[in-house]
PDB file of N, CA and C in Angstrom:
ATOM      1  N   MET A   1       3.795   7.412   9.224  1.00  0.00           N
ATOM      2  CA  MET A   1       4.429   6.852   8.844  1.00  0.00           C
ATOM      3  C   MET A   1       6.110   7.155   7.809  1.00  0.00           C
ATOM      4  N   TRP A   2       5.998   8.390   7.714  1.00  0.00           N
ATOM      5  CA  TRP A   2       7.281   9.274   7.420  1.00  0.00           C
ATOM      6  C   TRP A   2       8.727   8.413   7.960  1.00  0.00           C
ATOM      7  N   ALA A   3       8.476   9.051   9.433  1.00  0.00           N
ATOM      8  CA  ALA A   3       9.134   8.658  10.635  1.00  0.00           C
ATOM      9  C   ALA A   3       9.980   7.547  10.825  1.00  0.00           C
ATOM     10  N   LEU A   4       8.971   5.923  10.274  1.00  0.00           N
ATOM     11  CA  LEU A   4       9.226   4.886  10.371  1.00  0.00           C
ATOM     12  C   LEU A   4      10.053   4.615   9.333  1.00  0.00           C
ATOM     13  N   LEU A   5       9.480   5.003   8.163  1.00  0.00           N
ATOM     14  CA  LEU A   5      10.499   4.843   7.058  1.00  0.00           C
ATOM     15  C   LEU A   5      11.439   5.380   6.206  1.00  0.00           C
ATOM     16  N   SER A   6      11.707   6.656   6.911  1.00  0.00           N
ATOM     17  CA  SER A   6      12.710   7.426   6.107  1.00  0.00           C
ATOM     18  C   SER A   6      14.460   7.215   6.057  1.00  0.00           C
ATOM     19  N   ASP A   7      14.734   6.206   7.144  1.00  0.00           N
ATOM     20  CA  ASP A   7      16.051   5.526   7.270  1.00  0.00           C
ATOM     21  C   ASP A   7      16.452   4.752   6.324  1.00  0.00           C
ATOM     22  N   ALA A   8      15.258   4.271   5.516  1.00  0.00           N
ATOM     23  CA  ALA A   8      15.842   2.975   5.008  1.00  0.00           C
ATOM     24  C   ALA A   8      14.735   3.623   3.524  1.00  0.00           C
ATOM     25  N   TYR A   9      13.909   4.116   3.377  1.00  0.00           N
ATOM     26  CA  TYR A   9      13.366   4.205   1.737  1.00  0.00           C
ATOM     27  C   TYR A   9      12.744   5.798   1.739  1.00  0.00           C
ATOM     28  N   THR A  10      12.847   6.467   0.105  1.00  0.00           N
ATOM     29  CA  THR A  10      12.555   7.335  -0.216  1.00  0.00           C
ATOM     30  C   THR A  10      10.769   7.839   0.173  1.00  0.00           C
ATOM     31  N   VAL A  11       9.928   8.574   1.047  1.00  0.00           N
ATOM     32  CA  VAL A  11       8.660   8.394   1.122  1.00  0.00           C
ATOM     33  C   VAL A  11       8.114   9.687   0.305  1.00  0.00           C
ATOM     34  N   LEU A  12       6.570   8.910  -0.034  1.00  0.00           N
ATOM     35  CA  LEU A  12       6.588  10.412  -0.481  1.00  0.00           C
ATOM     36  C   LEU A  12       4.891  10.069  -0.166  1.00  0.00           C
ATOM     37  N   GLU A  13       4.381  10.747  -0.073  1.00  0.00           N
ATOM     38  CA  GLU A  13       2.815  11.170   0.812  1.00  0.00           C
ATOM     39  C   GLU A  13       1.766  11.270   0.082  1.00  0.00           C
ATOM     40  N   ALA A  14       0.215  10.665  -0.047  1.00  0.00           N
ATOM     41  CA  ALA A  14      -0.355  11.715  -0.824  1.00  0.00           C
ATOM     42  C   ALA A  14      -2.083  11.893   0.173  1.00  0.00           C
ATOM     43  N   LEU A  15      -2.780  12.646   0.390  1.00  0.00           N
ATOM     44  CA  LEU A  15      -3.514  13.034   0.730  1.00  0.00           C
ATOM     45  C   LEU A  15      -4.616  12.357   0.424  1.00  0.00           C
ATOM     46  N   ASP A  16      -4.912  12.175  -0.324  1.00  0.00           N
ATOM     47  CA  ASP A  16      -6.163  11.407  -0.672  1.00  0.00           C
ATOM     48  C   ASP A  16      -5.886   9.964  -2.172  1.00  0.00           C
ATOM     49  N   GLY A  17      -6.984   9.063  -2.236  1.00  0.00           N
ATOM     50  CA  GLY A  17      -6.345   8.137  -3.422  1.00  0.00           C
ATOM     51  C   GLY A  17      -6.450   8.819  -4.638  1.00  0.00           C
ATOM     52  N   ARG A  18      -6.668   9.685  -5.378  1.00  0.00           N
ATOM     53  CA  ARG A  18      -6.570  10.325  -6.505  1.00  0.00           C
ATOM     54  C   ARG A  18      -4.779  11.102  -6.589  1.00  0.00           C
ATOM     55  N   SER A  19      -4.730  12.043  -5.788  1.00  0.00           N
ATOM     56  CA  SER A  19      -3.854  12.387  -5.486  1.00  0.00           C
ATOM     57  C   SER A  19      -2.315  11.109  -5.231  1.00  0.00           C
ATOM     58  N   GLY A  20      -2.863  10.020  -4.922  1.00  0.00           N
ATOM     59  CA  GLY A  20      -1.940   9.038  -4.293  1.00  0.00           C
ATOM     60  C   GLY A  20      -1.969   8.168  -5.986  1.00  0.00           C
ATOM     61  N   VAL A  21      -2.654   8.113  -6.970  1.00  0.00           N
ATOM     62  CA  VAL A  21      -2.862   7.203  -7.947  1.00  0.00           C
ATOM     63  C   VAL A  21      -1.654   8.314  -8.731  1.00  0.00           C
ATOM     64  N   ASP A  22      -2.047   9.633  -8.870  1.00  0.00           N
ATOM     65  CA  ASP A  22      -0.992  10.209  -9.714  1.00  0.00           C
ATOM     66  C   ASP A  22      -0.155  10.131  -9.543  1.00  0.00           C
ATOM     67  N   GLN A  23       0.404  10.480  -8.392  1.00  0.00           N
ATOM     68  CA  GLN A  23       1.663  10.612  -7.783  1.00  0.00           C
ATOM     69  C   GLN A  23       2.807   8.965  -8.390  1.00  0.00           C
ATOM     70  N   ALA A  24       1.720   7.691  -8.002  1.00  0.00           N
ATOM     71  CA  ALA A  24       2.126   6.548  -8.705  1.00  0.00           C
ATOM     72  C   ALA A  24       2.767   6.947 -10.273  1.00  0.00           C
ATOM     73  N   ARG A  25       1.673   7.579 -11.121  1.00  0.00           N
ATOM     74  CA  ARG A  25       1.884   7.474 -12.142  1.00  0.00           C
ATOM     75  C   ARG A  25       3.402   8.212 -12.437  1.00  0.00           C
ATOM     76  N   ARG A  26       3.438   9.134 -11.716  1.00  0.00           N
ATOM     77  CA  ARG A  26       4.620  10.727 -11.982  1.00  0.00           C
ATOM     78  C   ARG A  26       5.817   9.517 -11.694  1.00  0.00           C
ATOM     79  N   HIS A  27       5.691   8.948 -10.250  1.00  0.00           N
ATOM     80  CA  HIS A  27       6.808   8.484  -9.588  1.00  0.00           C
ATOM     81  C   HIS A  27       7.126   6.959  -9.946  1.00  0.00           C
ATOM     82  N   GLN A  28       6.241   6.062 -10.312  1.00  0.00           N
ATOM     83  CA  GLN A  28       6.577   5.150 -10.277  1.00  0.00           C
ATOM     84  C   GLN A  28       7.236   4.469  -9.714  1.00  0.00           C
ATOM     85  N   PRO A  29       6.929   4.046  -8.446  1.00  0.00           N
ATOM     86  CA  PRO A  29       7.517   3.881  -6.769  1.00  0.00           C
ATOM     87  C   PRO A  29       7.516   2.546  -7.550  1.00  0.00           C
ATOM     88  N   ASN A  30       8.304   2.043  -6.249  1.00  0.00           N
ATOM     89  CA  ASN A  30       9.408   0.487  -6.219  1.00  0.00           C
ATOM     90  C   ASN A  30       7.926  -0.376  -5.224  1.00  0.00           C
ATOM     91  N   ILE A  31       7.011   0.505  -3.934  1.00  0.00           N
ATOM     92  CA  ILE A  31       6.203  -0.330  -3.561  1.00  0.00           C
ATOM     93  C   ILE A  31       5.145   0.995  -3.449  1.00  0.00           C
ATOM     94  N   ILE A  32       4.462   0.755  -2.807  1.00  0.00           N
ATOM     95  CA  ILE A  32       3.496   1.847  -2.589  1.00  0.00           C
ATOM     96  C   ILE A  32       2.364   0.981  -1.175  1.00  0.00           C
ATOM     97  N   LEU A  33       1.996   1.658  -0.072  1.00  0.00           N
ATOM     98  CA  LEU A  33       1.289   1.188   1.036  1.00  0.00           C
ATOM     99  C   LEU A  33       0.286   2.334   0.863  1.00  0.00           C
ATOM    100  N   MET A  34      -0.939   1.729   1.151  1.00  0.00           N
ATOM    101  CA  MET A  34      -2.407   2.165   0.923  1.00  0.00           C
ATOM    102  C   MET A  34      -3.226   1.990   1.712  1.00  0.00           C
ATOM    103  N   ASP A  35      -3.345   3.342   2.032  1.00  0.00           N
ATOM    104  CA  ASP A  35      -4.741   3.278   3.303  1.00  0.00           C
ATOM    105  C   ASP A  35      -5.888   3.044   2.415  1.00  0.00           C
ATOM    106  N   ILE A  36      -6.930   1.890   2.931  1.00  0.00           N
ATOM    107  CA  ILE A  36      -8.528   1.305   2.239  1.00  0.00           C
ATOM    108  C   ILE A  36      -9.012   2.782   2.238  1.00  0.00           C
ATOM    109  N   GLY A  37      -9.151   3.423   3.784  1.00  0.00           N
ATOM    110  CA  GLY A  37     -10.294   4.492   4.065  1.00  0.00           C
ATOM    111  C   GLY A  37      -9.725   6.106   3.738  1.00  0.00           C
ATOM    112  N   LEU A  38      -9.171   5.997   2.777  1.00  0.00           N
ATOM    113  CA  LEU A  38      -8.912   7.263   1.791  1.00  0.00           C
ATOM    114  C   LEU A  38      -9.736   8.320   1.487  1.00  0.00           C
ATOM    115  N   PRO A  39     -10.002   9.378   1.278  1.00  0.00           N
ATOM    116  CA  PRO A  39     -10.882   9.924   0.976  1.00  0.00           C
ATOM    117  C   PRO A  39     -10.705  10.272  -0.403  1.00  0.00           C
ATOM    118  N   VAL A  40     -11.752  10.793  -1.286  1.00  0.00           N
ATOM    119  CA  VAL A  40     -12.180  11.345  -2.997  1.00  0.00           C
ATOM    120  C   VAL A  40     -11.810   9.690  -3.260  1.00  0.00           C
ATOM    121  N   MET A  41     -10.768   9.152  -3.086  1.00  0.00           N
ATOM    122  CA  MET A  41     -10.852   7.852  -4.337  1.00  0.00           C
ATOM    123  C   MET A  41      -9.974   6.795  -3.101  1.00  0.00           C
ATOM    124  N   ASP A  42     -11.160   5.845  -1.977  1.00  0.00           N
ATOM    125  CA  ASP A  42     -10.740   4.485  -1.330  1.00  0.00           C
ATOM    126  C   ASP A  42      -9.670   4.280  -2.135  1.00  0.00           C
ATOM    127  N   GLY A  43      -9.057   3.529  -0.697  1.00  0.00           N
ATOM    128  CA  GLY A  43      -7.548   2.320  -1.248  1.00  0.00           C
ATOM    129  C   GLY A  43      -8.356   1.407  -2.545  1.00  0.00           C
ATOM    130  N   PHE A  44      -9.546   0.490  -2.368  1.00  0.00           N
ATOM    131  CA  PHE A  44      -9.830  -0.328  -3.212  1.00  0.00           C
ATOM    132  C   PHE A  44     -10.072   0.386  -4.487  1.00  0.00           C
ATOM    133  N   ALA A  45     -10.154   1.682  -5.078  1.00  0.00           N
ATOM    134  CA  ALA A  45     -10.658   1.885  -6.203  1.00  0.00           C
ATOM    135  C   ALA A  45      -9.209   3.000  -6.710  1.00  0.00           C
ATOM    136  N   ALA A  46      -7.934   3.273  -6.231  1.00  0.00           N
ATOM    137  CA  ALA A  46      -7.148   3.339  -5.931  1.00  0.00           C
ATOM    138  C   ALA A  46      -6.340   2.328  -6.518  1.00  0.00           C
ATOM    139  N   LEU A  47      -6.601   1.095  -5.859  1.00  0.00           N
ATOM    140  CA  LEU A  47      -5.564  -0.455  -6.401  1.00  0.00           C
ATOM    141  C   LEU A  47      -6.177  -0.758  -7.712  1.00  0.00           C
ATOM    142  N   ALA A  48      -7.518  -0.426  -7.942  1.00  0.00           N
ATOM    143  CA  ALA A  48      -8.159  -0.661  -9.708  1.00  0.00           C
ATOM    144  C   ALA A  48      -7.478  -0.163 -10.019  1.00  0.00           C
ATOM    145  N   GLU A  49      -7.326   1.264 -10.079  1.00  0.00           N
ATOM    146  CA  GLU A  49      -6.758   2.038 -11.068  1.00  0.00           C
ATOM    147  C   GLU A  49      -5.400   1.852 -11.201  1.00  0.00           C
ATOM    148  N   ILE A  50      -4.499   1.650 -10.774  1.00  0.00           N
ATOM    149  CA  ILE A  50      -3.650   1.186 -10.586  1.00  0.00           C
ATOM    150  C   ILE A  50      -3.157   0.122 -11.117  1.00  0.00           C
ATOM    151  N   ARG A  51      -3.818  -0.774 -10.712  1.00  0.00           N
ATOM    152  CA  ARG A  51      -3.995  -2.243 -11.695  1.00  0.00           C
ATOM    153  C   ARG A  51      -3.980  -2.194 -13.345  1.00  0.00           C
ATOM    154  N   GLU A  52      -4.550  -1.450 -13.638  1.00  0.00           N
ATOM    155  CA  GLU A  52      -5.070  -1.176 -14.774  1.00  0.00           C
ATOM    156  C   GLU A  52      -4.520  -0.523 -15.799  1.00  0.00           C
ATOM    157  N   ASP A  53      -3.455  -0.063 -15.126  1.00  0.00           N
ATOM    158  CA  ASP A  53      -2.093   0.818 -15.964  1.00  0.00           C
ATOM    159  C   ASP A  53      -0.805  -0.234 -15.920  1.00  0.00           C
ATOM    160  N   GLU A  54      -1.007  -0.213 -17.417  1.00  0.00           N
ATOM    161  CA  GLU A  54       0.286  -1.064 -17.764  1.00  0.00           C
ATOM    162  C   GLU A  54       1.393  -1.104 -16.803  1.00  0.00           C
ATOM    163  N   ALA A  55       1.495   0.482 -16.956  1.00  0.00           N
ATOM    164  CA  ALA A  55       3.160   0.822 -16.805  1.00  0.00           C
ATOM    165  C   ALA A  55       3.337   0.599 -14.969  1.00  0.00           C
ATOM    166  N   LEU A  56       1.828   0.637 -14.571  1.00  0.00           N
ATOM    167  CA  LEU A  56       1.931   0.557 -12.951  1.00  0.00           C
ATOM    168  C   LEU A  56       1.186  -0.939 -12.315  1.00  0.00           C
ATOM    169  N   SER A  57       1.275  -1.869 -13.251  1.00  0.00           N
ATOM    170  CA  SER A  57       0.240  -2.715 -12.404  1.00  0.00           C
ATOM    171  C   SER A  57       1.497  -4.127 -11.334  1.00  0.00           C
ATOM    172  N   ARG A  58       2.177  -3.812 -11.945  1.00  0.00           N
ATOM    173  CA  ARG A  58       3.523  -4.994 -11.523  1.00  0.00           C
ATOM    174  C   ARG A  58       3.760  -4.601  -9.554  1.00  0.00           C
ATOM    175  N   ILE A  59       3.361  -3.166  -9.632  1.00  0.00           N
ATOM    176  CA  ILE A  59       3.899  -2.609  -8.581  1.00  0.00           C
ATOM    177  C   ILE A  59       3.189  -3.281  -6.742  1.00  0.00           C
ATOM    178  N   PRO A  60       4.329  -3.555  -5.999  1.00  0.00           N
ATOM    179  CA  PRO A  60       3.228  -4.221  -5.073  1.00  0.00           C
ATOM    180  C   PRO A  60       2.626  -3.252  -4.138  1.00  0.00           C
ATOM    181  N   ILE A  61       1.569  -3.626  -3.622  1.00  0.00           N
ATOM    182  CA  ILE A  61       0.609  -2.422  -2.688  1.00  0.00           C
ATOM    183  C   ILE A  61       0.039  -3.156  -1.594  1.00  0.00           C
ATOM    184  N   VAL A  62       0.740  -2.758  -0.560  1.00  0.00           N
ATOM    185  CA  VAL A  62       0.468  -2.955   1.003  1.00  0.00           C
ATOM    186  C   VAL A  62      -0.870  -2.414   1.774  1.00  0.00           C
ATOM    187  N   ALA A  63      -1.870  -2.674   1.733  1.00  0.00           N
ATOM    188  CA  ALA A  63      -2.914  -2.422   2.251  1.00  0.00           C
ATOM    189  C   ALA A  63      -2.622  -1.815   3.598  1.00  0.00           C
ATOM    190  N   VAL A  64      -3.062  -0.363   3.784  1.00  0.00           N
ATOM    191  CA  VAL A  64      -2.535  -0.176   5.619  1.00  0.00           C
ATOM    192  C   VAL A  64      -4.457   0.145   6.056  1.00  0.00           C
ATOM    193  N   THR A  65      -4.725  -0.639   6.979  1.00  0.00           N
ATOM    194  CA  THR A  65      -5.998  -0.188   7.520  1.00  0.00           C
ATOM    195  C   THR A  65      -6.619  -0.153   8.939  1.00  0.00           C
ATOM    196  N   ALA A  66      -7.922  -0.091   9.827  1.00  0.00           N
ATOM    197  CA  ALA A  66      -7.933   0.428  10.559  1.00  0.00           C
ATOM    198  C   ALA A  66      -8.644  -1.116  11.097  1.00  0.00           C
ATOM    199  N   SER A  67      -8.939  -1.585   9.985  1.00  0.00           N
ATOM    200  CA  SER A  67     -10.069  -2.810  10.420  1.00  0.00           C
ATOM    201  C   SER A  67      -9.175  -4.625  10.471  1.00  0.00           C
ATOM    202  N   ALA A  68      -9.593  -4.892  11.562  1.00  0.00           N
ATOM    203  CA  ALA A  68      -8.829  -5.951  11.779  1.00  0.00           C
ATOM    204  C   ALA A  68      -9.516  -7.313  12.433  1.00  0.00           C
ATOM    205  N   MET A  69     -10.791  -7.246  11.743  1.00  0.00           N
ATOM    206  CA  MET A  69     -11.629  -8.246  12.266  1.00  0.00           C
ATOM    207  C   MET A  69     -11.175  -9.498  11.162  1.00  0.00           C
ATOM    208  N   LYS A  70     -11.839 -10.651  11.654  1.00  0.00           N
ATOM    209  CA  LYS A  70     -11.403 -11.858  11.396  1.00  0.00           C
ATOM    210  C   LYS A  70     -12.087 -11.999  10.265  1.00  0.00           C
ATOM    211  N   GLY A  71     -10.867 -12.541   8.983  1.00  0.00           N
ATOM    212  CA  GLY A  71     -11.179 -12.045   7.540  1.00  0.00           C
ATOM    213  C   GLY A  71     -11.241 -11.097   6.640  1.00  0.00           C
ATOM    214  N   ASP A  72     -10.426 -10.275   7.607  1.00  0.00           N
ATOM    215  CA  ASP A  72     -10.506  -8.895   7.089  1.00  0.00           C
ATOM    216  C   ASP A  72      -8.847  -9.019   6.103  1.00  0.00           C
ATOM    217  N   ARG A  73      -8.064  -9.775   6.949  1.00  0.00           N
ATOM    218  CA  ARG A  73      -6.872  -9.441   5.577  1.00  0.00           C
ATOM    219  C   ARG A  73      -7.169 -10.361   4.560  1.00  0.00           C
ATOM    220  N   GLU A  74      -7.909 -11.863   4.619  1.00  0.00           N
ATOM    221  CA  GLU A  74      -7.913 -12.123   3.507  1.00  0.00           C
ATOM    222  C   GLU A  74      -8.682 -11.619   2.593  1.00  0.00           C
ATOM    223  N   ARG A  75      -9.581 -10.523   2.834  1.00  0.00           N
ATOM    224  CA  ARG A  75     -10.469 -10.413   1.933  1.00  0.00           C
ATOM    225  C   ARG A  75      -9.713  -9.003   1.156  1.00  0.00           C
ATOM    226  N   ILE A  76      -9.100  -8.261   1.095  1.00  0.00           N
ATOM    227  CA  ILE A  76      -7.764  -7.278   0.959  1.00  0.00           C
ATOM    228  C   ILE A  76      -7.285  -8.021   0.260  1.00  0.00           C
ATOM    229  N   ILE A  77      -6.349  -9.128   0.799  1.00  0.00           N
ATOM    230  CA  ILE A  77      -5.728  -9.651  -0.369  1.00  0.00           C
ATOM    231  C   ILE A  77      -6.105 -10.336  -1.206  1.00  0.00           C
ATOM    232  N   ALA A  78      -7.350 -11.029  -1.314  1.00  0.00           N
ATOM    233  CA  ALA A  78      -8.182 -11.230  -2.519  1.00  0.00           C
ATOM    234  C   ALA A  78      -8.609 -10.503  -3.246  1.00  0.00           C
ATOM    235  N   ARG A  79      -8.788  -9.227  -2.866  1.00  0.00           N
ATOM    236  CA  ARG A  79      -9.357  -8.103  -3.416  1.00  0.00           C
ATOM    237  C   ARG A  79      -7.809  -7.427  -4.700  1.00  0.00           C
ATOM    238  N   GLY A  80      -6.791  -8.060  -4.449  1.00  0.00           N
ATOM    239  CA  GLY A  80      -5.591  -7.614  -5.502  1.00  0.00           C
ATOM    240  C   GLY A  80      -4.044  -6.721  -4.524  1.00  0.00           C
ATOM    241  N   PHE A  81      -4.082  -6.473  -3.230  1.00  0.00           N
ATOM    242  CA  PHE A  81      -3.023  -6.064  -2.150  1.00  0.00           C
ATOM    243  C   PHE A  81      -1.849  -7.345  -2.099  1.00  0.00           C
ATOM    244  N   ASN A  82      -1.206  -6.908  -2.254  1.00  0.00           N
ATOM    245  CA  ASN A  82       0.012  -8.031  -2.307  1.00  0.00           C
ATOM    246  C   ASN A  82       0.513  -8.098  -0.663  1.00  0.00           C
ATOM    247  N   GLY A  83      -0.052  -7.148   0.604  1.00  0.00           N
ATOM    248  CA  GLY A  83       0.324  -7.123   1.936  1.00  0.00           C
ATOM    249  C   GLY A  83      -0.907  -6.409   2.466  1.00  0.00           C
ATOM    250  N   TYR A  84      -0.866  -6.373   4.044  1.00  0.00           N
ATOM    251  CA  TYR A  84      -1.615  -5.941   4.609  1.00  0.00           C
ATOM    252  C   TYR A  84      -1.336  -5.867   5.820  1.00  0.00           C
ATOM    253  N   ILE A  85      -1.591  -4.385   6.474  1.00  0.00           N
ATOM    254  CA  ILE A  85      -0.777  -4.226   7.780  1.00  0.00           C
ATOM    255  C   ILE A  85      -1.639  -3.426   8.720  1.00  0.00           C
ATOM    256  N   SER A  86      -1.878  -3.850   9.785  1.00  0.00           N
ATOM    257  CA  SER A  86      -3.169  -3.636  10.702  1.00  0.00           C
ATOM    258  C   SER A  86      -2.752  -1.706  11.370  1.00  0.00           C
ATOM    259  N   LYS A  87      -3.476  -1.127  11.902  1.00  0.00           N
ATOM    260  CA  LYS A  87      -3.036   0.030  12.451  1.00  0.00           C
ATOM    261  C   LYS A  87      -3.819  -0.158  14.016  1.00  0.00           C
ATOM    262  N   PRO A  88      -3.426   0.140  14.590  1.00  0.00           N
ATOM    263  CA  PRO A  88      -1.454   1.297  14.812  1.00  0.00           C
ATOM    264  C   PRO A  88      -0.899   0.515  14.490  1.00  0.00           C
ATOM    265  N   ILE A  89       0.032   0.759  13.584  1.00  0.00           N
ATOM    266  CA  ILE A  89       1.619   0.271  12.970  1.00  0.00           C
ATOM    267  C   ILE A  89       2.612  -0.201  13.251  1.00  0.00           C
ATOM    268  N   ASN A  90       3.062  -1.394  13.441  1.00  0.00           N
ATOM    269  CA  ASN A  90       4.056  -1.733  14.729  1.00  0.00           C
ATOM    270  C   ASN A  90       5.390  -1.879  13.478  1.00  0.00           C
ATOM    271  N   GLU A  91       6.090  -1.000  13.833  1.00  0.00           N
ATOM    272  CA  GLU A  91       7.499  -1.164  12.887  1.00  0.00           C
ATOM    273  C   GLU A  91       7.707  -1.945  12.523  1.00  0.00           C
ATOM    274  N   GLU A  92       8.135  -3.149  12.829  1.00  0.00           N
ATOM    275  CA  GLU A  92       8.842  -4.536  12.788  1.00  0.00           C
ATOM    276  C   GLU A  92       7.911  -5.316  11.640  1.00  0.00           C
ATOM    277  N   ILE A  93       6.562  -5.454  11.977  1.00  0.00           N
ATOM    278  CA  ILE A  93       5.894  -6.094  11.092  1.00  0.00           C
ATOM    279  C   ILE A  93       5.687  -4.958   9.785  1.00  0.00           C
ATOM    280  N   LEU A  94       5.188  -3.700   9.878  1.00  0.00           N
ATOM    281  CA  LEU A  94       5.590  -2.459   8.593  1.00  0.00           C
ATOM    282  C   LEU A  94       6.967  -3.232   7.992  1.00  0.00           C
ATOM    283  N   ARG A  95       8.290  -2.961   8.312  1.00  0.00           N
ATOM    284  CA  ARG A  95       9.292  -3.252   7.277  1.00  0.00           C
ATOM    285  C   ARG A  95       8.821  -5.023   6.982  1.00  0.00           C
ATOM    286  N   LYS A  96       8.538  -6.011   7.829  1.00  0.00           N
ATOM    287  CA  LYS A  96       9.009  -7.529   7.661  1.00  0.00           C
ATOM    288  C   LYS A  96       7.467  -7.254   6.021  1.00  0.00           C
ATOM    289  N   THR A  97       6.759  -6.758   6.485  1.00  0.00           N
ATOM    290  CA  THR A  97       5.791  -6.805   5.020  1.00  0.00           C
ATOM    291  C   THR A  97       6.062  -5.917   4.142  1.00  0.00           C
ATOM    292  N   LEU A  98       6.622  -4.882   3.926  1.00  0.00           N
ATOM    293  CA  LEU A  98       7.387  -4.186   2.962  1.00  0.00           C
ATOM    294  C   LEU A  98       8.297  -5.018   2.164  1.00  0.00           C
ATOM    295  N   HIS A  99       9.036  -5.920   3.302  1.00  0.00           N
ATOM    296  CA  HIS A  99      10.188  -6.787   2.382  1.00  0.00           C
ATOM    297  C   HIS A  99       9.400  -7.724   2.034  1.00  0.00           C
ATOM    298  N   GLU A 100       8.445  -8.807   2.371  1.00  0.00           N
ATOM    299  CA  GLU A 100       8.055  -9.512   1.734  1.00  0.00           C
ATOM    300  C   GLU A 100       7.048  -9.273  -0.194  1.00  0.00           C
ATOM    301  N   ALA A 101       6.583  -8.372   0.522  1.00  0.00           N
ATOM    302  CA  ALA A 101       5.663  -7.730  -0.913  1.00  0.00           C
ATOM    303  C   ALA A 101       7.166  -7.344  -1.822  1.00  0.00           C
ATOM    304  N   LEU A 102       8.179  -6.873  -1.452  1.00  0.00           N
ATOM    305  CA  LEU A 102       9.487  -6.038  -2.475  1.00  0.00           C
ATOM    306  C   LEU A 102       9.885  -7.804  -3.237  1.00  0.00           C
ATOM    307  N   TYR A 103      10.516  -8.032  -2.158  1.00  0.00           N
ATOM    308  CA  TYR A 103      10.999  -9.661  -2.319  1.00  0.00           C
ATOM    309  C   TYR A 103      10.808 -11.054  -2.077  1.00  0.00           C
ATOM    310  N   GLY A 104       9.494 -11.205  -1.532  1.00  0.00           N
ATOM    311  CA  GLY A 104       9.261 -12.313  -1.692  1.00  0.00           C
ATOM    312  C   GLY A 104       9.365 -12.881  -0.425  1.00  0.00           C
ATOM    313  N   ASN A 105       9.668 -14.080   0.366  1.00  0.00           N
ATOM    314  CA  ASN A 105       9.867 -14.823   1.639  1.00  0.00           C
ATOM    315  C   ASN A 105      11.437 -15.361   1.452  1.00  0.00           C
ATOM    316  N   GLU A 106      11.932 -14.458   1.045  1.00  0.00           N
ATOM    317  CA  GLU A 106      13.621 -14.652   1.188  1.00  0.00           C
ATOM    318  C   GLU A 106      14.170 -14.927   2.344  1.00  0.00           C
TER     319      GLU A 106
END
């Protein structure tokens, strides 16, 4: 992920959901890419904790997942994510999804 984005973004990485939430609190990023299948705390639990934190609740969070079955995107968006990217990650789709999550469809 870092290699795809480091030209346009400052990228911070977390190895699990708990450290991802901790980094979000420490750095208050403009956007978060969150893998659904994280160890320690999965992406849904991390999303819920971030959304409950007043200082972080408005940060757009894009789900990254290997789940690409029919209905997965809708289910993930309904849970509160601002976008969805399935693996393997396509660079063009990644950049478009990040832009839409940050700026809308302008």
